[in-house]
Amino acid sequence: MELKNRIENLDNPSEIEIKELQAEIIGKLNNGTIRAAEPDGKGGWIANQWVKKGILLLFKYSKMEDMSINEEFVFFDKNTIPLKPLKLEDGVRLVPGGSSIRSGCYVAKGVICMPPMYINIGAYVDEGTMVDSHALVGTCAQIGKNVHLSAASQIGGVLEPAGARPVVIEDNVMIGGNCGVYEGVLVRERAVLGTGVILNASTKVYDLVNGTVLSSTAESPLEIPAGAVVVPGSRAINSPFAKENGLSISTPLIIKYRDDKTDAKTALEEALR
């Protein structure tokens, strides 16, 4: 791909080259032609290092600019990364009240954005997903179809290192309120994260159904299986001091796998669409 080759060989770009790069990479990210990460066709996901490098170049070779809409709405940002241009025909329901979508991310038709929420550059948000109030879709995060990001849920972002894989949330996942998913965690389709679940690269998840412990490795991220229902839990700390004081550490637990009953619960969100 011509754009890929240009970015990979662009180390000290001129102002003209940055403007050309901005127009092309932002445009292609906006329409979903390129992605910061994508399925590898074998059930896994790969990070497109060159896409992330292109975004980093836009940040590095930019300057602050007055982007105020009027005297009542004053803000300043990098001149290479404005707000995402949206039209009624795009079919995105962006409810007024303090939300923002940065240009350079794909937001599909039927996505609902409840205020205040934020979607950052490089993100991919597929059809039918709801981004609820105070929710964040971080840099380069990949969100599938019909996902519900409940109020105050945080989907972490990543730009550096360029080869690091971003968080991936597959289709039909329910992310409960105040959840946090960070550091390249992969949540497979139809999984449910109960309120307050926190997942990152160092998290161990205890599968009570199968009697196994899930964790990340140097080669693969923490992966929540398809249909898993995850809730916050705790496990004892066995040091003498911890035992003496009755201490424990928070630990996510898989308590079941999704069935018709849990499908009915998550289907309640359809009334909001």
Protein backbone atom coordinates (compact mmCIF):
# COMPACT_ATOMS: atom_id res chain seq x y z
CA MET A 1 0.00 0.00 0.00
CA GLU A 2 1.38 3.39 -0.99
CA LEU A 3 0.29 5.12 2.24
CA LYS A 4 1.89 2.38 4.37
CA ASN A 5 5.20 2.65 2.50
CA ARG A 6 5.22 6.44 2.80
CA ILE A 7 4.61 6.36 6.55
CA GLU A 8 7.20 3.65 7.20
CA ASN A 9 9.85 5.70 5.36
CA LEU A 10 8.85 9.10 6.76
CA ASP A 11 11.32 10.09 9.48
CA ASN A 12 11.81 13.84 9.15
CA PRO A 13 8.78 15.09 7.19
CA SER A 14 8.32 18.59 5.83
CA GLU A 15 5.27 20.69 6.65
CA ILE A 16 3.82 19.89 3.22
CA GLU A 17 4.33 16.14 3.77
CA ILE A 18 2.56 16.34 7.13
CA LYS A 19 -0.41 18.16 5.57
CA GLU A 20 -0.64 15.49 2.86
CA LEU A 21 -0.35 12.74 5.46
CA GLN A 22 -3.00 14.38 7.63
CA ALA A 23 -5.51 14.55 4.78
CA GLU A 24 -5.00 10.94 3.75
CA ILE A 25 -4.59 9.08 7.03
CA ILE A 26 -7.33 11.01 8.85
CA GLY A 27 -9.70 10.51 5.93
CA LYS A 28 -9.05 6.77 5.75
CA LEU A 29 -9.37 6.34 9.53
CA ASN A 30 -12.64 8.28 9.47
CA ASN A 31 -14.20 6.03 6.83
CA GLY A 32 -12.76 2.78 8.19
CA THR A 33 -10.57 2.05 5.16
CA ILE A 34 -7.59 1.58 7.47
CA ARG A 35 -7.55 0.49 11.12
CA ALA A 36 -5.06 0.60 13.97
CA ALA A 37 -5.80 -3.08 14.57
CA GLU A 38 -7.79 -5.67 12.63
CA PRO A 39 -8.75 -9.36 12.67
CA ASP A 40 -6.01 -11.63 11.31
CA GLY A 41 -8.49 -14.05 9.71
CA LYS A 42 -7.54 -16.81 12.16
CA GLY A 43 -9.56 -15.67 15.16
CA GLY A 44 -6.86 -13.31 16.43
CA TRP A 45 -6.04 -9.63 16.09
CA ILE A 46 -2.97 -7.78 14.84
CA ALA A 47 -1.82 -4.20 15.42
CA ASN A 48 -1.05 -2.16 12.31
CA GLN A 49 2.16 -0.54 13.47
CA TRP A 50 2.34 1.78 10.45
CA VAL A 51 -1.11 3.26 11.18
CA LYS A 52 -0.10 4.08 14.74
CA LYS A 53 3.19 5.54 13.51
CA GLY A 54 1.20 7.81 11.17
CA ILE A 55 -0.92 9.07 14.08
CA LEU A 56 2.20 9.67 16.17
CA LEU A 57 3.72 11.71 13.33
CA LEU A 58 0.63 13.93 13.30
CA PHE A 59 1.06 14.60 17.01
CA LYS A 60 4.80 15.15 16.80
CA TYR A 61 4.82 17.53 13.85
CA SER A 62 1.87 19.70 14.83
CA LYS A 63 1.33 22.97 16.65
CA MET A 64 -1.29 24.33 18.99
CA GLU A 65 -4.13 26.19 17.34
CA ASP A 66 -7.18 28.15 18.46
CA MET A 67 -10.13 25.93 17.50
CA SER A 68 -12.80 27.90 19.36
CA ILE A 69 -16.31 27.69 17.96
CA ASN A 70 -17.35 30.98 19.55
CA GLU A 71 -16.65 33.07 22.66
CA GLU A 72 -18.68 30.66 24.77
CA PHE A 73 -16.99 27.49 23.46
CA VAL A 74 -13.25 28.08 23.61
CA PHE A 75 -10.70 25.31 23.12
CA PHE A 76 -7.18 24.75 21.80
CA ASP A 77 -5.67 21.62 20.29
CA LYS A 78 -3.17 20.20 17.81
CA ASN A 79 -3.79 21.67 14.37
CA THR A 80 -3.41 18.27 12.68
CA ILE A 81 -6.24 16.62 14.65
CA PRO A 82 -9.54 18.53 14.69
CA LEU A 83 -12.95 17.27 15.73
CA LYS A 84 -14.51 14.57 13.57
CA PRO A 85 -16.77 16.03 10.85
CA LEU A 86 -20.25 14.49 11.13
CA LYS A 87 -23.40 14.92 9.03
CA LEU A 88 -26.98 13.78 9.59
CA GLU A 89 -26.50 11.22 6.81
CA ASP A 90 -23.73 9.51 8.80
CA GLY A 91 -26.43 8.08 11.06
CA VAL A 92 -24.53 8.64 14.31
CA ARG A 93 -26.74 9.76 17.20
CA LEU A 94 -24.60 12.34 18.99
CA VAL A 95 -26.70 13.66 21.87
CA PRO A 96 -25.81 17.23 22.95
CA GLY A 97 -24.13 17.91 26.26
CA GLY A 98 -20.34 17.83 26.28
CA SER A 99 -19.41 14.85 24.10
CA SER A 100 -16.53 14.90 21.65
CA ILE A 101 -15.26 12.67 18.84
CA ARG A 102 -11.76 13.32 17.54
CA SER A 103 -11.19 13.14 13.81
CA GLY A 104 -9.35 10.06 12.64
CA CYS A 105 -11.65 7.39 14.06
CA TYR A 106 -14.39 5.28 12.49
CA VAL A 107 -17.86 5.63 14.01
CA ALA A 108 -20.43 3.53 12.15
CA LYS A 109 -24.09 4.15 11.47
CA GLY A 110 -26.38 3.45 14.38
CA VAL A 111 -23.80 4.30 17.05
CA ILE A 112 -25.33 6.18 20.00
CA CYS A 113 -23.23 8.67 21.96
CA MET A 114 -24.68 9.81 25.28
CA PRO A 115 -23.25 12.95 26.92
CA PRO A 116 -20.64 13.42 28.09
CA MET A 117 -18.45 10.82 26.37
CA TYR A 118 -15.24 10.82 24.32
CA ILE A 119 -13.91 8.80 21.38
CA ASN A 120 -10.22 9.31 20.62
CA ILE A 121 -8.18 9.13 17.41
CA GLY A 122 -7.54 5.74 15.86
CA ALA A 123 -10.58 4.16 17.50
CA TYR A 124 -13.01 1.96 15.56
CA VAL A 125 -16.63 1.79 16.79
CA ASP A 126 -18.89 -0.51 14.80
CA GLU A 127 -22.63 -0.48 14.08
CA GLY A 128 -25.25 -0.40 16.82
CA THR A 129 -22.88 0.29 19.69
CA MET A 130 -23.86 2.59 22.55
CA VAL A 131 -21.23 4.76 24.25
CA ASP A 132 -22.96 5.84 27.43
CA SER A 133 -22.40 8.88 29.65
CA HIS A 134 -18.86 9.48 30.99
CA ALA A 135 -17.55 6.57 28.89
CA LEU A 136 -14.23 6.66 27.05
CA VAL A 137 -13.12 4.89 23.90
CA GLY A 138 -9.36 5.36 24.05
CA THR A 139 -6.77 5.83 21.33
CA CYS A 140 -6.89 3.02 18.72
CA ALA A 141 -9.38 0.91 20.74
CA GLN A 142 -11.43 -1.46 18.57
CA ILE A 143 -15.12 -1.82 19.47
CA GLY A 144 -17.37 -4.31 17.66
CA LYS A 145 -21.04 -4.31 16.67
CA ASN A 146 -23.88 -3.91 19.19
CA VAL A 147 -21.57 -3.33 22.15
CA HIS A 148 -22.90 -1.48 25.20
CA LEU A 149 -20.32 0.64 26.99
CA SER A 150 -22.20 1.54 30.16
CA ALA A 151 -21.86 4.78 32.10
CA ALA A 152 -18.30 5.63 33.23
CA SER A 153 -16.74 2.61 31.51
CA GLN A 154 -13.19 3.18 30.32
CA ILE A 155 -11.71 1.44 27.28
CA GLY A 156 -8.02 2.22 27.42
CA GLY A 157 -5.97 3.54 24.54
CA VAL A 158 -2.45 2.97 23.30
CA LEU A 159 -0.17 4.68 20.78
CA GLU A 160 3.29 3.79 22.05
CA PRO A 161 5.04 1.53 21.44
CA ALA A 162 3.66 1.48 17.92
CA GLY A 163 3.59 -2.32 17.81
CA ALA A 164 1.54 -2.67 21.00
CA ARG A 165 -1.94 -4.03 20.38
CA PRO A 166 -4.84 -1.89 21.55
CA VAL A 167 -7.85 -3.05 23.56
CA VAL A 168 -10.29 -5.08 21.46
CA ILE A 169 -13.97 -5.52 22.37
CA GLU A 170 -15.70 -7.91 19.98
CA ASP A 171 -19.37 -7.97 18.87
CA ASN A 172 -22.35 -8.06 21.25
CA VAL A 173 -20.34 -7.47 24.43
CA MET A 174 -21.89 -5.83 27.49
CA ILE A 175 -19.48 -3.64 29.49
CA GLY A 176 -21.01 -2.67 32.83
CA GLY A 177 -20.79 0.69 34.56
CA ASN A 178 -17.43 1.79 35.97
CA CYS A 179 -15.57 -1.02 34.22
CA GLY A 180 -12.02 -0.48 32.99
CA VAL A 181 -10.38 -2.47 30.17
CA TYR A 182 -6.75 -1.58 29.48
CA GLU A 183 -3.37 -2.65 28.06
CA GLY A 184 -4.40 -4.71 25.04
CA VAL A 185 -6.98 -6.94 26.75
CA LEU A 186 -9.17 -8.89 24.30
CA VAL A 187 -12.85 -9.36 25.24
CA ARG A 188 -14.44 -11.96 22.98
CA GLU A 189 -17.95 -11.76 21.51
CA ARG A 190 -21.03 -11.89 23.75
CA ALA A 191 -19.05 -11.59 26.98
CA VAL A 192 -20.53 -9.63 29.89
CA LEU A 193 -18.45 -7.57 32.32
CA GLY A 194 -20.37 -6.81 35.50
CA THR A 195 -20.24 -3.40 37.14
CA GLY A 196 -16.79 -2.43 38.35
CA VAL A 197 -14.69 -5.13 36.66
CA ILE A 198 -11.11 -3.97 35.96
CA LEU A 199 -8.96 -5.81 33.41
CA ASN A 200 -5.38 -5.08 32.40
CA ALA A 201 -2.25 -6.93 31.29
CA SER A 202 -1.38 -8.04 34.84
CA THR A 203 -4.89 -9.14 35.86
CA LYS A 204 -5.56 -12.80 36.63
CA VAL A 205 -9.11 -13.93 35.94
CA TYR A 206 -10.42 -17.00 37.77
CA ASP A 207 -12.81 -19.13 35.71
CA LEU A 208 -15.03 -20.81 38.31
CA VAL A 209 -16.88 -22.78 35.61
CA ASN A 210 -13.83 -24.49 34.11
CA GLY A 211 -11.49 -24.31 37.10
CA THR A 212 -8.77 -22.40 35.24
CA VAL A 213 -6.85 -19.13 35.68
CA LEU A 214 -6.61 -16.76 32.70
CA SER A 215 -3.73 -14.34 32.32
CA SER A 216 -1.62 -12.63 29.68
CA THR A 217 1.74 -13.88 28.42
CA ALA A 218 4.62 -12.24 26.57
CA GLU A 219 3.08 -13.51 23.32
CA SER A 220 -0.64 -13.02 23.94
CA PRO A 221 -2.96 -10.64 25.81
CA LEU A 222 -5.38 -11.45 28.59
CA GLU A 223 -8.38 -12.89 26.74
CA ILE A 224 -11.92 -13.07 28.12
CA PRO A 225 -13.65 -16.02 26.43
CA ALA A 226 -16.75 -15.68 24.30
CA GLY A 227 -19.94 -15.56 26.35
CA ALA A 228 -18.15 -15.33 29.71
CA VAL A 229 -19.94 -13.48 32.51
CA VAL A 230 -17.31 -11.71 34.63
CA VAL A 231 -17.92 -10.08 38.01
CA PRO A 232 -15.63 -8.47 40.62
CA GLY A 233 -14.34 -10.86 43.27
CA SER A 234 -11.45 -11.20 45.69
CA ARG A 235 -8.81 -13.71 46.75
CA ALA A 236 -6.89 -14.00 49.99
CA ILE A 237 -3.30 -12.78 50.34
CA ASN A 238 -1.21 -15.39 52.09
CA SER A 239 1.63 -13.34 53.59
CA PRO A 240 1.75 -13.34 57.42
CA PHE A 241 0.88 -9.63 57.57
CA ALA A 242 -2.07 -10.10 55.18
CA LYS A 243 -3.37 -13.08 57.11
CA GLU A 244 -3.04 -11.22 60.38
CA ASN A 245 -5.10 -8.33 59.01
CA GLY A 246 -7.56 -10.36 56.94
CA LEU A 247 -6.46 -8.76 53.66
CA SER A 248 -7.47 -9.78 50.18
CA ILE A 249 -6.93 -8.49 46.63
CA SER A 250 -9.59 -7.80 44.02
CA THR A 251 -9.85 -10.46 41.33
CA PRO A 252 -12.34 -10.80 38.44
CA LEU A 253 -14.28 -14.06 38.41
CA ILE A 254 -16.04 -15.85 35.55
CA ILE A 255 -19.14 -17.12 37.29
CA LYS A 256 -21.01 -18.51 34.27
CA TYR A 257 -21.29 -18.41 30.49
CA ARG A 258 -24.05 -16.55 28.75
CA ASP A 259 -27.38 -18.34 28.23
CA ASP A 260 -30.93 -17.35 27.32
CA LYS A 261 -31.45 -15.73 30.73
CA THR A 262 -28.47 -13.40 30.49
CA ASP A 263 -29.31 -12.67 26.85
CA ALA A 264 -32.72 -11.46 28.02
CA LYS A 265 -31.11 -9.11 30.56
CA THR A 266 -28.74 -7.52 28.08
CA ALA A 267 -31.49 -7.31 25.49
CA LEU A 268 -33.08 -4.58 27.64
CA GLU A 269 -30.75 -2.07 26.03
CA GLU A 270 -32.53 -2.57 22.71
CA ALA A 271 -35.34 -0.39 24.04
CA LEU A 272 -32.91 2.54 24.02
CA ARG A 273 -31.87 2.15 20.38
